[in-house]
Amino acid sequence: MTTSSTVEYRVLVLPERHELQVETALSGPVATGSVHIQIPTWVPGDYSFAPQARDLFNVLGERLALTIVTA
């Protein structure tokens, strides 16, 4: 018996605030244990790296132990 996992995303565009609101829902085996989420630092078409996490705020979650690491 194979048990499948799902990852669902809901994205709300807020152009007047220059923001995206992203909601992620995990279900199945992937929702147990630890989940490591990363934000890329590369910029497409550019040879530099940008600290994108500086613009990450209001991180909320249910059943979530959150650690934000910036390098």
C-alpha atoms as a PDB file:
ATOM      1  CA  MET A   1       0.000   0.000   0.000  1.00  0.00           C
ATOM      2  CA  THR A   2       1.407   3.371  -1.034  1.00  0.00           C
ATOM      3  CA  THR A   3       0.483   6.424   0.968  1.00  0.00           C
ATOM      4  CA  SER A   4       0.802   9.653  -0.949  1.00  0.00           C
ATOM      5  CA  SER A   5       1.594  13.105   0.323  1.00  0.00           C
ATOM      6  CA  THR A   6       0.317  16.412  -0.977  1.00  0.00           C
ATOM      7  CA  VAL A   7       1.645  19.941  -0.858  1.00  0.00           C
ATOM      8  CA  GLU A   8      -0.873  22.658  -1.643  1.00  0.00           C
ATOM      9  CA  TYR A   9      -0.050  26.318  -2.243  1.00  0.00           C
ATOM     10  CA  ARG A  10      -2.388  29.283  -2.192  1.00  0.00           C
ATOM     11  CA  VAL A  11      -0.935  32.571  -3.441  1.00  0.00           C
ATOM     12  CA  LEU A  12      -2.629  35.941  -3.001  1.00  0.00           C
ATOM     13  CA  VAL A  13      -1.133  38.894  -4.897  1.00  0.00           C
ATOM     14  CA  LEU A  14      -1.302  42.240  -3.097  1.00  0.00           C
ATOM     15  CA  PRO A  15      -0.019  44.693  -5.736  1.00  0.00           C
ATOM     16  CA  GLU A  16      -0.858  47.820  -3.754  1.00  0.00           C
ATOM     17  CA  ARG A  17       1.507  46.600  -1.006  1.00  0.00           C
ATOM     18  CA  HIS A  18       4.058  44.984  -3.368  1.00  0.00           C
ATOM     19  CA  GLU A  19       3.553  41.709  -1.513  1.00  0.00           C
ATOM     20  CA  LEU A  20       2.642  38.084  -2.039  1.00  0.00           C
ATOM     21  CA  GLN A  21       0.804  36.149   0.636  1.00  0.00           C
ATOM     22  CA  VAL A  22       1.649  32.453   0.387  1.00  0.00           C
ATOM     23  CA  GLU A  23      -0.076  29.657   2.280  1.00  0.00           C
ATOM     24  CA  THR A  24       1.304  26.123   2.187  1.00  0.00           C
ATOM     25  CA  ALA A  25      -0.533  23.034   3.430  1.00  0.00           C
ATOM     26  CA  LEU A  26       1.155  19.651   3.810  1.00  0.00           C
ATOM     27  CA  SER A  27      -0.724  16.388   4.242  1.00  0.00           C
ATOM     28  CA  GLY A  28       0.250  12.738   4.360  1.00  0.00           C
ATOM     29  CA  PRO A  29       3.645  11.380   5.425  1.00  0.00           C
ATOM     30  CA  VAL A  30       5.438  14.565   4.336  1.00  0.00           C
ATOM     31  CA  ALA A  31       3.577  16.461   7.084  1.00  0.00           C
ATOM     32  CA  THR A  32       5.207  14.433   9.860  1.00  0.00           C
ATOM     33  CA  GLY A  33       8.624  15.024  11.301  1.00  0.00           C
ATOM     34  CA  SER A  34      10.741  17.955  10.148  1.00  0.00           C
ATOM     35  CA  VAL A  35      10.237  20.008   7.015  1.00  0.00           C
ATOM     36  CA  HIS A  36      13.106  22.199   5.806  1.00  0.00           C
ATOM     37  CA  ILE A  37      12.027  25.172   3.668  1.00  0.00           C
ATOM     38  CA  GLN A  38      14.590  27.350   1.914  1.00  0.00           C
ATOM     39  CA  ILE A  39      14.370  30.618   0.015  1.00  0.00           C
ATOM     40  CA  PRO A  40      16.875  30.936  -2.845  1.00  0.00           C
ATOM     41  CA  THR A  41      19.366  33.794  -2.739  1.00  0.00           C
ATOM     42  CA  TRP A  42      20.063  33.845  -6.467  1.00  0.00           C
ATOM     43  CA  VAL A  43      18.473  36.349  -8.809  1.00  0.00           C
ATOM     44  CA  PRO A  44      17.547  34.994 -12.274  1.00  0.00           C
ATOM     45  CA  GLY A  45      19.621  36.687 -14.986  1.00  0.00           C
ATOM     46  CA  ASP A  46      22.008  38.220 -12.466  1.00  0.00           C
ATOM     47  CA  TYR A  47      25.334  37.025 -11.130  1.00  0.00           C
ATOM     48  CA  SER A  48      24.737  38.345  -7.640  1.00  0.00           C
ATOM     49  CA  PHE A  49      23.047  36.972  -4.561  1.00  0.00           C
ATOM     50  CA  ALA A  50      20.277  38.832  -2.764  1.00  0.00           C
ATOM     51  CA  PRO A  51      19.213  38.335   0.856  1.00  0.00           C
ATOM     52  CA  GLN A  52      15.572  37.511   0.045  1.00  0.00           C
ATOM     53  CA  ALA A  53      14.772  36.438   3.616  1.00  0.00           C
ATOM     54  CA  ARG A  54      15.038  40.054   4.730  1.00  0.00           C
ATOM     55  CA  ASP A  55      11.615  40.520   3.116  1.00  0.00           C
ATOM     56  CA  LEU A  56      10.069  37.522   4.883  1.00  0.00           C
ATOM     57  CA  PHE A  57       7.771  38.551   7.688  1.00  0.00           C
ATOM     58  CA  ASN A  58       4.646  37.510   9.591  1.00  0.00           C
ATOM     59  CA  VAL A  59       5.473  33.803   9.364  1.00  0.00           C
ATOM     60  CA  LEU A  60       2.663  31.925  11.063  1.00  0.00           C
ATOM     61  CA  GLY A  61       1.824  28.278  11.362  1.00  0.00           C
ATOM     62  CA  GLU A  62      -0.220  25.597  12.990  1.00  0.00           C
ATOM     63  CA  ARG A  63       1.732  22.795  14.649  1.00  0.00           C
ATOM     64  CA  LEU A  64       4.890  24.631  13.632  1.00  0.00           C
ATOM     65  CA  ALA A  65       8.211  24.973  15.373  1.00  0.00           C
ATOM     66  CA  LEU A  66       9.828  27.804  13.432  1.00  0.00           C
ATOM     67  CA  THR A  67      13.479  28.707  13.141  1.00  0.00           C
ATOM     68  CA  ILE A  68      14.538  31.385  10.671  1.00  0.00           C
ATOM     69  CA  VAL A  69      18.204  31.155   9.690  1.00  0.00           C
ATOM     70  CA  THR A  70      19.857  33.892   7.673  1.00  0.00           C
ATOM     71  CA  ALA A  71      23.305  33.303   6.298  1.00  0.00           C
END
